[in-house]
């Protein structure tokens, strides 16, 4: 964590200052300041436009009963892009504009999904869901942790005898308003 914070708060500003100095040597100081202000204004407009679009799509998908995973990721990328675009600098503006590009967001999403699925598969076979702390593997529980299990809430089961364990608590219920 220290390395990430060091990178964010020390290295990135030094690189940004060096880039701003080099750009100001080429195009001039006032033009560099105008460029930074123009990218902030343009970035704010693009972030607002794409952010409202992502928000609208999330609402539509949730209203239709779908999970808005892709649009939530789009919204997250737009927020991060907004932070990069509001930060003065050439490198952060470039990263911000790249995050606003749908093709690059798609590639980032695809790589993150691949990494997450690899980690999930490896952890499913490892100690996270396997035998931990010296537990013995039961032959009854041979089902994989992420396999689909059939569950019917309206299925009537045969009454269990008292010798079998049950999670049901018997009793009466009265509602008093």
N, C-alpha and C. Protein backbone atom coordinates (compact mmCIF):
# COMPACT_ATOMS: atom_id res chain seq x y z
N UNK A 1 0.82 -1.18 0.00
CA UNK A 1 0.00 0.00 0.00
C UNK A 1 0.87 1.26 0.00
N UNK A 2 1.99 1.18 0.72
CA UNK A 2 2.89 2.33 0.77
C UNK A 2 3.42 2.67 -0.60
N UNK A 3 3.73 1.63 -1.39
CA UNK A 3 4.27 1.87 -2.74
C UNK A 3 3.25 2.58 -3.62
N UNK A 4 2.00 2.22 -3.50
CA UNK A 4 0.95 2.85 -4.30
C UNK A 4 0.77 4.31 -3.90
N UNK A 5 0.73 4.57 -2.60
CA UNK A 5 0.59 5.95 -2.14
C UNK A 5 1.82 6.78 -2.51
N UNK A 6 3.00 6.19 -2.41
CA UNK A 6 4.22 6.88 -2.81
C UNK A 6 4.15 7.25 -4.28
N UNK A 7 3.70 6.31 -5.09
CA UNK A 7 3.58 6.56 -6.52
C UNK A 7 2.57 7.68 -6.80
N UNK A 8 1.44 7.63 -6.13
CA UNK A 8 0.39 8.62 -6.38
C UNK A 8 0.76 10.03 -5.93
N UNK A 9 1.37 10.15 -4.77
CA UNK A 9 1.59 11.46 -4.19
C UNK A 9 2.97 12.05 -4.45
N UNK A 10 3.92 11.25 -4.87
CA UNK A 10 5.27 11.77 -5.11
C UNK A 10 5.66 11.67 -6.58
N UNK A 11 5.58 10.48 -7.14
CA UNK A 11 6.08 10.27 -8.49
C UNK A 11 5.19 10.94 -9.54
N UNK A 12 3.88 10.76 -9.45
CA UNK A 12 2.98 11.34 -10.45
C UNK A 12 3.08 12.86 -10.52
N UNK A 13 3.07 13.59 -9.40
CA UNK A 13 3.23 15.05 -9.51
C UNK A 13 4.58 15.47 -10.11
N UNK A 14 5.65 14.73 -9.80
CA UNK A 14 6.96 15.07 -10.37
C UNK A 14 6.94 14.88 -11.88
N UNK A 15 6.35 13.79 -12.34
CA UNK A 15 6.26 13.54 -13.78
C UNK A 15 5.37 14.60 -14.43
N UNK A 16 4.27 14.97 -13.79
CA UNK A 16 3.37 15.99 -14.34
C UNK A 16 4.08 17.34 -14.45
N UNK A 17 4.83 17.72 -13.44
CA UNK A 17 5.56 19.00 -13.48
C UNK A 17 6.60 18.99 -14.59
N UNK A 18 7.30 17.86 -14.73
CA UNK A 18 8.31 17.76 -15.79
C UNK A 18 7.66 17.86 -17.17
N UNK A 19 6.52 17.20 -17.35
CA UNK A 19 5.82 17.28 -18.63
C UNK A 19 5.31 18.69 -18.91
N UNK A 20 4.77 19.34 -17.89
CA UNK A 20 4.28 20.72 -18.08
C UNK A 20 5.43 21.67 -18.44
N UNK A 21 6.59 21.48 -17.85
CA UNK A 21 7.74 22.32 -18.18
C UNK A 21 8.18 22.09 -19.62
N UNK A 22 8.21 20.80 -20.04
CA UNK A 22 8.62 20.50 -21.42
C UNK A 22 7.62 21.05 -22.43
N UNK A 23 6.33 20.92 -22.14
CA UNK A 23 5.31 21.43 -23.05
C UNK A 23 5.37 22.95 -23.10
N UNK A 24 5.60 23.60 -21.95
CA UNK A 24 5.67 25.06 -21.94
C UNK A 24 6.91 25.57 -22.69
N UNK A 25 7.98 24.78 -22.75
CA UNK A 25 9.14 25.16 -23.56
C UNK A 25 8.81 25.12 -25.05
N UNK A 26 7.92 24.21 -25.44
CA UNK A 26 7.58 24.06 -26.86
C UNK A 26 6.51 25.06 -27.28
N UNK A 27 5.41 25.15 -26.52
CA UNK A 27 4.28 26.00 -26.96
C UNK A 27 4.15 27.29 -26.17
N UNK A 28 4.90 27.45 -25.11
CA UNK A 28 4.83 28.68 -24.32
C UNK A 28 4.05 28.47 -23.03
N UNK A 29 4.31 29.33 -22.06
CA UNK A 29 3.69 29.20 -20.74
C UNK A 29 2.20 29.44 -20.73
N UNK A 30 1.76 30.54 -21.37
CA UNK A 30 0.32 30.85 -21.38
C UNK A 30 -0.47 29.81 -22.18
N UNK A 31 0.11 29.32 -23.26
CA UNK A 31 -0.57 28.29 -24.05
C UNK A 31 -0.69 26.99 -23.25
N UNK A 32 0.32 26.68 -22.45
CA UNK A 32 0.26 25.48 -21.61
C UNK A 32 -0.84 25.62 -20.56
N UNK A 33 -0.93 26.78 -19.94
CA UNK A 33 -1.99 27.02 -18.95
C UNK A 33 -3.36 26.95 -19.61
N UNK A 34 -3.48 27.52 -20.81
CA UNK A 34 -4.75 27.47 -21.55
C UNK A 34 -5.10 26.02 -21.92
N UNK A 35 -4.09 25.23 -22.28
CA UNK A 35 -4.31 23.82 -22.61
C UNK A 35 -4.84 23.06 -21.40
N UNK A 36 -4.24 23.28 -20.24
CA UNK A 36 -4.68 22.60 -19.02
C UNK A 36 -6.12 22.99 -18.67
N UNK A 37 -6.43 24.28 -18.79
CA UNK A 37 -7.80 24.74 -18.49
C UNK A 37 -8.79 24.20 -19.51
N UNK A 38 -8.42 24.19 -20.78
CA UNK A 38 -9.31 23.69 -21.83
C UNK A 38 -9.60 22.20 -21.66
N UNK A 39 -8.57 21.41 -21.32
CA UNK A 39 -8.81 19.98 -21.12
C UNK A 39 -9.68 19.74 -19.90
N UNK A 40 -9.56 20.57 -18.87
CA UNK A 40 -10.41 20.43 -17.69
C UNK A 40 -11.87 20.72 -18.05
N UNK A 41 -12.10 21.78 -18.83
CA UNK A 41 -13.47 22.13 -19.22
C UNK A 41 -14.06 21.07 -20.14
N UNK A 42 -13.30 20.67 -21.15
CA UNK A 42 -13.78 19.63 -22.07
C UNK A 42 -14.02 18.31 -21.33
N UNK A 43 -13.10 17.98 -20.45
CA UNK A 43 -13.25 16.75 -19.66
C UNK A 43 -14.48 16.78 -18.79
N UNK A 44 -14.76 17.93 -18.16
CA UNK A 44 -15.95 18.04 -17.31
C UNK A 44 -17.23 17.84 -18.12
N UNK A 45 -17.27 18.41 -19.33
CA UNK A 45 -18.46 18.23 -20.17
C UNK A 45 -18.63 16.78 -20.60
N UNK A 46 -17.53 16.14 -21.00
CA UNK A 46 -17.61 14.74 -21.41
C UNK A 46 -17.98 13.82 -20.24
N UNK A 47 -17.41 14.09 -19.07
CA UNK A 47 -17.73 13.30 -17.89
C UNK A 47 -19.21 13.45 -17.54
N UNK A 48 -19.72 14.65 -17.60
CA UNK A 48 -21.14 14.87 -17.31
C UNK A 48 -22.02 14.12 -18.30
N UNK A 49 -21.69 14.22 -19.58
CA UNK A 49 -22.49 13.57 -20.62
C UNK A 49 -22.46 12.05 -20.47
N UNK A 50 -21.28 11.48 -20.34
CA UNK A 50 -21.19 10.02 -20.25
C UNK A 50 -21.68 9.51 -18.91
N UNK A 51 -21.48 10.29 -17.85
CA UNK A 51 -21.97 9.88 -16.54
C UNK A 51 -23.49 9.83 -16.48
N UNK A 52 -24.15 10.84 -17.06
CA UNK A 52 -25.62 10.83 -17.09
C UNK A 52 -26.14 9.70 -17.96
N UNK A 53 -25.42 9.40 -19.06
CA UNK A 53 -25.82 8.27 -19.92
C UNK A 53 -25.71 6.95 -19.19
N UNK A 54 -24.62 6.77 -18.45
CA UNK A 54 -24.44 5.52 -17.69
C UNK A 54 -25.48 5.41 -16.59
N UNK A 55 -25.78 6.53 -15.92
CA UNK A 55 -26.79 6.53 -14.86
C UNK A 55 -28.17 6.17 -15.42
N UNK A 56 -28.49 6.72 -16.58
CA UNK A 56 -29.77 6.43 -17.22
C UNK A 56 -29.86 4.94 -17.60
N UNK A 57 -28.77 4.41 -18.14
CA UNK A 57 -28.76 2.99 -18.52
C UNK A 57 -28.89 2.08 -17.30
N UNK A 58 -28.25 2.45 -16.20
CA UNK A 58 -28.35 1.65 -14.97
C UNK A 58 -29.80 1.64 -14.48
N UNK A 59 -30.45 2.80 -14.50
CA UNK A 59 -31.85 2.86 -14.06
C UNK A 59 -32.75 2.03 -14.95
N UNK A 60 -32.54 2.09 -16.28
CA UNK A 60 -33.37 1.31 -17.20
C UNK A 60 -33.19 -0.18 -16.98
N UNK A 61 -31.94 -0.62 -16.81
CA UNK A 61 -31.70 -2.04 -16.62
C UNK A 61 -32.25 -2.53 -15.29
N UNK A 62 -32.13 -1.73 -14.25
CA UNK A 62 -32.68 -2.14 -12.96
C UNK A 62 -34.20 -2.17 -12.99
N UNK A 63 -34.81 -1.25 -13.72
CA UNK A 63 -36.27 -1.24 -13.84
C UNK A 63 -36.77 -2.46 -14.59
N UNK A 64 -35.96 -2.96 -15.53
CA UNK A 64 -36.37 -4.16 -16.27
C UNK A 64 -35.94 -5.44 -15.58
N UNK A 65 -35.31 -5.33 -14.41
CA UNK A 65 -34.95 -6.53 -13.64
C UNK A 65 -33.61 -7.13 -14.01
N UNK A 66 -32.78 -6.41 -14.74
CA UNK A 66 -31.47 -6.92 -15.13
C UNK A 66 -30.40 -6.34 -14.22
N UNK A 67 -29.27 -7.05 -14.13
CA UNK A 67 -28.14 -6.53 -13.38
C UNK A 67 -27.32 -5.62 -14.28
N UNK A 68 -27.09 -4.38 -13.88
CA UNK A 68 -26.39 -3.42 -14.73
C UNK A 68 -24.87 -3.43 -14.54
N UNK A 69 -24.24 -4.58 -14.62
CA UNK A 69 -22.81 -4.70 -14.36
C UNK A 69 -21.95 -3.86 -15.27
N UNK A 70 -22.17 -3.95 -16.57
CA UNK A 70 -21.36 -3.21 -17.53
C UNK A 70 -21.54 -1.71 -17.36
N UNK A 71 -22.76 -1.26 -17.14
CA UNK A 71 -23.00 0.17 -16.98
C UNK A 71 -22.48 0.71 -15.65
N UNK A 72 -22.47 -0.13 -14.61
CA UNK A 72 -21.86 0.29 -13.36
C UNK A 72 -20.35 0.45 -13.52
N UNK A 73 -19.74 -0.45 -14.27
CA UNK A 73 -18.31 -0.32 -14.55
C UNK A 73 -18.04 0.92 -15.38
N UNK A 74 -18.92 1.21 -16.34
CA UNK A 74 -18.78 2.43 -17.14
C UNK A 74 -18.86 3.66 -16.24
N UNK A 75 -19.81 3.67 -15.33
CA UNK A 75 -19.94 4.79 -14.40
C UNK A 75 -18.71 4.96 -13.52
N UNK A 76 -18.14 3.85 -13.06
CA UNK A 76 -16.93 3.91 -12.25
C UNK A 76 -15.77 4.47 -13.05
N UNK A 77 -15.63 4.03 -14.31
CA UNK A 77 -14.56 4.55 -15.17
C UNK A 77 -14.75 6.04 -15.44
N UNK A 78 -15.99 6.47 -15.60
CA UNK A 78 -16.26 7.89 -15.85
C UNK A 78 -15.90 8.72 -14.62
N UNK A 79 -16.20 8.23 -13.44
CA UNK A 79 -15.84 8.94 -12.21
C UNK A 79 -14.33 9.06 -12.08
N UNK A 80 -13.63 7.96 -12.32
CA UNK A 80 -12.16 7.97 -12.24
C UNK A 80 -11.60 8.90 -13.31
N UNK A 81 -12.18 8.88 -14.52
CA UNK A 81 -11.74 9.78 -15.58
C UNK A 81 -11.94 11.23 -15.17
N UNK A 82 -13.04 11.53 -14.51
CA UNK A 82 -13.30 12.89 -14.05
C UNK A 82 -12.25 13.36 -13.06
N UNK A 83 -11.84 12.47 -12.17
CA UNK A 83 -10.79 12.83 -11.21
C UNK A 83 -9.48 13.11 -11.95
N UNK A 84 -9.14 12.26 -12.91
CA UNK A 84 -7.91 12.47 -13.68
C UNK A 84 -7.97 13.76 -14.50
N UNK A 85 -9.13 14.05 -15.09
CA UNK A 85 -9.24 15.24 -15.93
C UNK A 85 -9.26 16.53 -15.11
N UNK A 86 -9.72 16.49 -13.90
CA UNK A 86 -9.72 17.68 -13.06
C UNK A 86 -8.35 17.94 -12.44
N UNK A 87 -7.51 16.92 -12.41
CA UNK A 87 -6.14 17.09 -11.90
C UNK A 87 -5.31 17.77 -12.98
N UNK A 88 -4.69 18.89 -12.68
CA UNK A 88 -3.91 19.58 -13.71
C UNK A 88 -2.70 18.75 -14.13
N UNK A 89 -2.54 18.58 -15.43
CA UNK A 89 -1.39 17.85 -15.94
C UNK A 89 -1.68 17.23 -17.28
N UNK A 90 -0.62 16.86 -17.97
CA UNK A 90 -0.73 16.27 -19.30
C UNK A 90 -0.99 14.77 -19.19
N UNK A 91 -0.23 14.08 -18.36
CA UNK A 91 -0.36 12.63 -18.24
C UNK A 91 -1.72 12.23 -17.67
N UNK A 92 -2.17 12.92 -16.62
CA UNK A 92 -3.46 12.58 -16.03
C UNK A 92 -4.60 12.88 -16.98
N UNK A 93 -4.47 13.93 -17.80
CA UNK A 93 -5.49 14.22 -18.80
C UNK A 93 -5.55 13.12 -19.85
N UNK A 94 -4.39 12.64 -20.25
CA UNK A 94 -4.36 11.55 -21.24
C UNK A 94 -5.03 10.29 -20.69
N UNK A 95 -4.73 9.96 -19.43
CA UNK A 95 -5.36 8.79 -18.81
C UNK A 95 -6.87 9.01 -18.69
N UNK A 96 -7.28 10.21 -18.30
CA UNK A 96 -8.71 10.52 -18.17
C UNK A 96 -9.45 10.39 -19.48
N UNK A 97 -8.87 10.94 -20.57
CA UNK A 97 -9.52 10.82 -21.88
C UNK A 97 -9.55 9.38 -22.36
N UNK A 98 -8.52 8.61 -22.04
CA UNK A 98 -8.54 7.18 -22.42
C UNK A 98 -9.66 6.44 -21.70
N UNK A 99 -9.89 6.77 -20.42
CA UNK A 99 -10.98 6.11 -19.68
C UNK A 99 -12.35 6.51 -20.19
N UNK A 100 -12.44 7.63 -20.87
CA UNK A 100 -13.73 8.04 -21.46
C UNK A 100 -13.98 7.38 -22.81
N UNK A 101 -12.99 6.71 -23.36
CA UNK A 101 -13.13 6.03 -24.64
C UNK A 101 -13.76 4.65 -24.43
N UNK A 102 -14.92 4.38 -25.04
CA UNK A 102 -15.60 3.09 -24.81
C UNK A 102 -14.76 1.87 -25.19
N UNK A 103 -13.96 1.96 -26.24
CA UNK A 103 -13.15 0.81 -26.64
C UNK A 103 -12.12 0.45 -25.57
N UNK A 104 -11.50 1.45 -24.99
CA UNK A 104 -10.50 1.19 -23.95
C UNK A 104 -11.18 0.69 -22.68
N UNK A 105 -12.34 1.25 -22.34
CA UNK A 105 -13.09 0.75 -21.18
C UNK A 105 -13.45 -0.71 -21.37
N UNK A 106 -13.84 -1.09 -22.59
CA UNK A 106 -14.19 -2.49 -22.86
C UNK A 106 -13.00 -3.41 -22.67
N UNK A 107 -11.82 -2.99 -23.12
CA UNK A 107 -10.62 -3.82 -22.94
C UNK A 107 -10.25 -3.94 -21.47
N UNK A 108 -10.39 -2.84 -20.73
CA UNK A 108 -10.09 -2.88 -19.30
C UNK A 108 -11.07 -3.82 -18.59
N UNK A 109 -12.35 -3.72 -18.93
CA UNK A 109 -13.36 -4.58 -18.31
C UNK A 109 -13.09 -6.04 -18.63
N UNK A 110 -12.73 -6.33 -19.87
CA UNK A 110 -12.45 -7.72 -20.26
C UNK A 110 -11.26 -8.27 -19.48
N UNK A 111 -10.21 -7.49 -19.34
CA UNK A 111 -9.04 -7.99 -18.62
C UNK A 111 -9.33 -8.15 -17.13
N UNK A 112 -10.13 -7.25 -16.56
CA UNK A 112 -10.49 -7.39 -15.14
C UNK A 112 -11.36 -8.61 -14.90
N UNK A 113 -12.28 -8.88 -15.82
CA UNK A 113 -13.13 -10.06 -15.69
C UNK A 113 -12.31 -11.33 -15.80
N UNK A 114 -11.35 -11.36 -16.73
CA UNK A 114 -10.49 -12.53 -16.86
C UNK A 114 -9.66 -12.75 -15.61
N UNK A 115 -9.10 -11.69 -15.05
CA UNK A 115 -8.31 -11.81 -13.83
C UNK A 115 -9.16 -12.27 -12.66
N UNK A 116 -10.37 -11.74 -12.55
CA UNK A 116 -11.25 -12.12 -11.45
C UNK A 116 -11.67 -13.58 -11.57
N UNK A 117 -11.95 -14.04 -12.79
CA UNK A 117 -12.37 -15.44 -12.94
C UNK A 117 -11.21 -16.38 -12.67
N UNK A 118 -10.00 -16.01 -13.03
CA UNK A 118 -8.84 -16.85 -12.74
C UNK A 118 -8.63 -16.92 -11.24
N UNK A 119 -8.73 -15.79 -10.54
CA UNK A 119 -8.56 -15.78 -9.09
C UNK A 119 -9.65 -16.58 -8.41
N UNK A 120 -10.89 -16.48 -8.92
CA UNK A 120 -11.98 -17.23 -8.32
C UNK A 120 -11.78 -18.73 -8.49
N UNK A 121 -11.34 -19.14 -9.67
CA UNK A 121 -11.13 -20.55 -9.92
C UNK A 121 -9.99 -21.08 -9.06
N UNK A 122 -8.92 -20.32 -8.94
CA UNK A 122 -7.80 -20.79 -8.15
C UNK A 122 -8.14 -20.80 -6.66
N UNK A 123 -8.93 -19.84 -6.20
CA UNK A 123 -9.30 -19.84 -4.79
C UNK A 123 -10.33 -20.92 -4.48
N UNK A 124 -11.10 -21.33 -5.46
CA UNK A 124 -12.07 -22.39 -5.23
C UNK A 124 -11.38 -23.72 -4.99
N UNK A 125 -10.22 -23.88 -5.55
CA UNK A 125 -9.46 -25.11 -5.35
C UNK A 125 -8.49 -24.98 -4.18
N UNK A 126 -8.31 -23.80 -3.68
CA UNK A 126 -7.36 -23.55 -2.60
C UNK A 126 -8.02 -23.61 -1.24
N UNK A 127 -7.45 -22.92 -0.28
CA UNK A 127 -7.90 -23.03 1.10
C UNK A 127 -9.12 -22.16 1.41
N UNK A 128 -9.47 -21.24 0.52
CA UNK A 128 -10.58 -20.36 0.83
C UNK A 128 -11.89 -21.12 0.94
N UNK A 129 -12.13 -22.05 0.01
CA UNK A 129 -13.36 -22.83 0.05
C UNK A 129 -13.07 -24.31 0.31
N UNK A 130 -11.84 -24.67 0.37
CA UNK A 130 -11.48 -26.07 0.57
C UNK A 130 -11.39 -26.39 2.05
N UNK A 131 -10.56 -27.42 2.34
CA UNK A 131 -10.41 -27.81 3.73
C UNK A 131 -9.40 -26.89 4.38
N UNK A 132 -9.85 -26.15 5.34
CA UNK A 132 -8.95 -25.27 6.07
C UNK A 132 -8.91 -25.67 7.52
N UNK A 133 -7.85 -25.36 8.20
CA UNK A 133 -7.68 -25.62 9.62
C UNK A 133 -7.82 -27.11 9.96
N UNK A 134 -7.31 -27.95 9.09
CA UNK A 134 -7.28 -29.38 9.39
C UNK A 134 -8.62 -30.07 9.29
N UNK A 135 -9.59 -29.50 8.60
CA UNK A 135 -10.89 -30.14 8.47
C UNK A 135 -10.78 -31.32 7.52
N UNK A 136 -11.55 -32.35 7.82
CA UNK A 136 -11.58 -33.52 6.96
C UNK A 136 -12.62 -33.33 5.88
N UNK A 137 -12.35 -33.85 4.70
CA UNK A 137 -13.29 -33.73 3.59
C UNK A 137 -14.38 -34.76 3.74
N UNK A 138 -15.60 -34.31 3.72
CA UNK A 138 -16.75 -35.18 3.84
C UNK A 138 -17.12 -35.74 2.47
N UNK A 139 -17.43 -37.03 2.41
CA UNK A 139 -17.82 -37.64 1.13
C UNK A 139 -19.22 -37.21 0.72
N UNK A 140 -20.02 -36.74 1.68
CA UNK A 140 -21.37 -36.30 1.35
C UNK A 140 -21.33 -34.96 0.62
N UNK A 141 -20.39 -34.11 0.94
CA UNK A 141 -20.33 -32.75 0.38
C UNK A 141 -19.31 -32.71 -0.75
N UNK A 142 -19.62 -33.41 -1.85
CA UNK A 142 -18.70 -33.46 -2.98
C UNK A 142 -19.04 -32.42 -4.03
N UNK A 143 -20.06 -31.62 -3.80
CA UNK A 143 -20.48 -30.61 -4.77
C UNK A 143 -19.53 -29.42 -4.71
N UNK A 144 -19.18 -28.91 -5.88
CA UNK A 144 -18.30 -27.74 -5.96
C UNK A 144 -18.98 -26.54 -5.35
N UNK A 145 -18.21 -25.58 -4.80
CA UNK A 145 -18.83 -24.46 -4.10
C UNK A 145 -19.66 -23.54 -4.98
N UNK A 146 -19.40 -23.50 -6.30
CA UNK A 146 -20.14 -22.58 -7.16
C UNK A 146 -21.09 -23.30 -8.10
N UNK A 147 -21.31 -24.60 -7.89
CA UNK A 147 -22.27 -25.30 -8.74
C UNK A 147 -23.67 -24.84 -8.40
N UNK A 148 -24.51 -24.85 -9.41
CA UNK A 148 -25.89 -24.42 -9.20
C UNK A 148 -26.63 -25.49 -8.42
N UNK A 149 -27.29 -25.10 -7.37
CA UNK A 149 -28.06 -26.02 -6.56
C UNK A 149 -29.53 -25.73 -6.78
N UNK A 150 -30.31 -26.79 -6.89
CA UNK A 150 -31.74 -26.62 -7.10
C UNK A 150 -32.40 -26.42 -5.74
N UNK A 151 -33.23 -25.41 -5.68
CA UNK A 151 -33.94 -25.11 -4.46
C UNK A 151 -35.36 -24.72 -4.81
N UNK A 152 -36.31 -25.41 -4.27
CA UNK A 152 -37.71 -25.10 -4.49
C UNK A 152 -38.33 -24.72 -3.15
N UNK A 153 -38.66 -23.45 -2.96
CA UNK A 153 -39.18 -23.02 -1.66
C UNK A 153 -40.56 -23.58 -1.35
N UNK A 154 -41.28 -24.08 -2.37
CA UNK A 154 -42.62 -24.60 -2.16
C UNK A 154 -42.66 -26.12 -2.10
N UNK A 155 -41.50 -26.73 -2.12
CA UNK A 155 -41.44 -28.19 -2.07
C UNK A 155 -41.83 -28.66 -0.68
N UNK A 156 -42.73 -29.65 -0.64
CA UNK A 156 -43.17 -30.19 0.65
C UNK A 156 -42.26 -31.35 1.00
N UNK A 157 -41.71 -31.29 2.17
CA UNK A 157 -40.81 -32.34 2.64
C UNK A 157 -41.55 -33.20 3.65
N UNK A 158 -41.10 -34.42 3.74
CA UNK A 158 -41.68 -35.34 4.72
C UNK A 158 -41.29 -34.86 6.11
N UNK A 159 -42.19 -35.01 7.08
CA UNK A 159 -41.85 -34.56 8.43
C UNK A 159 -40.66 -35.35 8.98
N UNK A 160 -39.77 -34.65 9.67
CA UNK A 160 -38.59 -35.30 10.23
C UNK A 160 -38.90 -35.79 11.62
N UNK A 161 -38.25 -36.87 11.97
CA UNK A 161 -38.42 -37.37 13.33
C UNK A 161 -37.57 -36.51 14.26
N UNK A 162 -37.81 -36.64 15.57
CA UNK A 162 -37.09 -35.83 16.54
C UNK A 162 -35.62 -36.18 16.59
N UNK A 163 -35.26 -37.40 16.14
CA UNK A 163 -33.85 -37.78 16.18
C UNK A 163 -33.03 -37.04 15.12
N UNK A 164 -33.69 -36.60 14.04
CA UNK A 164 -32.99 -35.86 13.01
C UNK A 164 -32.95 -34.38 13.40
N UNK A 165 -31.85 -33.72 13.05
CA UNK A 165 -31.75 -32.31 13.41
C UNK A 165 -32.57 -31.47 12.43
N UNK A 166 -33.17 -30.42 12.95
CA UNK A 166 -34.00 -29.55 12.14
C UNK A 166 -33.67 -28.11 12.47
N UNK A 167 -33.74 -27.24 11.48
CA UNK A 167 -33.51 -25.82 11.69
C UNK A 167 -34.79 -25.06 11.93
N UNK A 168 -35.92 -25.76 11.96
CA UNK A 168 -37.21 -25.10 12.12
C UNK A 168 -37.51 -24.93 13.61
N UNK A 169 -37.96 -23.76 13.96
CA UNK A 169 -38.38 -23.50 15.33
C UNK A 169 -39.90 -23.48 15.33
N UNK A 170 -40.48 -24.36 16.09
CA UNK A 170 -41.93 -24.45 16.16
C UNK A 170 -42.46 -23.40 17.13
N UNK A 171 -43.62 -22.88 16.85
CA UNK A 171 -44.22 -21.91 17.75
C UNK A 171 -45.37 -21.19 17.08
N UNK A 172 -46.02 -20.33 17.84
CA UNK A 172 -47.13 -19.57 17.32
C UNK A 172 -46.70 -18.13 17.18
N UNK A 173 -47.33 -17.44 16.27
CA UNK A 173 -46.99 -16.05 15.98
C UNK A 173 -48.26 -15.24 15.98
N UNK A 174 -48.26 -14.14 16.70
CA UNK A 174 -49.38 -13.22 16.67
C UNK A 174 -48.84 -11.83 16.36
N UNK A 175 -49.47 -11.16 15.46
CA UNK A 175 -49.07 -9.80 15.12
C UNK A 175 -49.92 -8.83 15.94
N UNK A 176 -49.23 -7.95 16.64
CA UNK A 176 -49.93 -6.95 17.45
C UNK A 176 -49.55 -5.59 16.95
N UNK A 177 -50.50 -4.93 16.36
CA UNK A 177 -50.25 -3.56 15.85
C UNK A 177 -50.73 -2.52 16.79
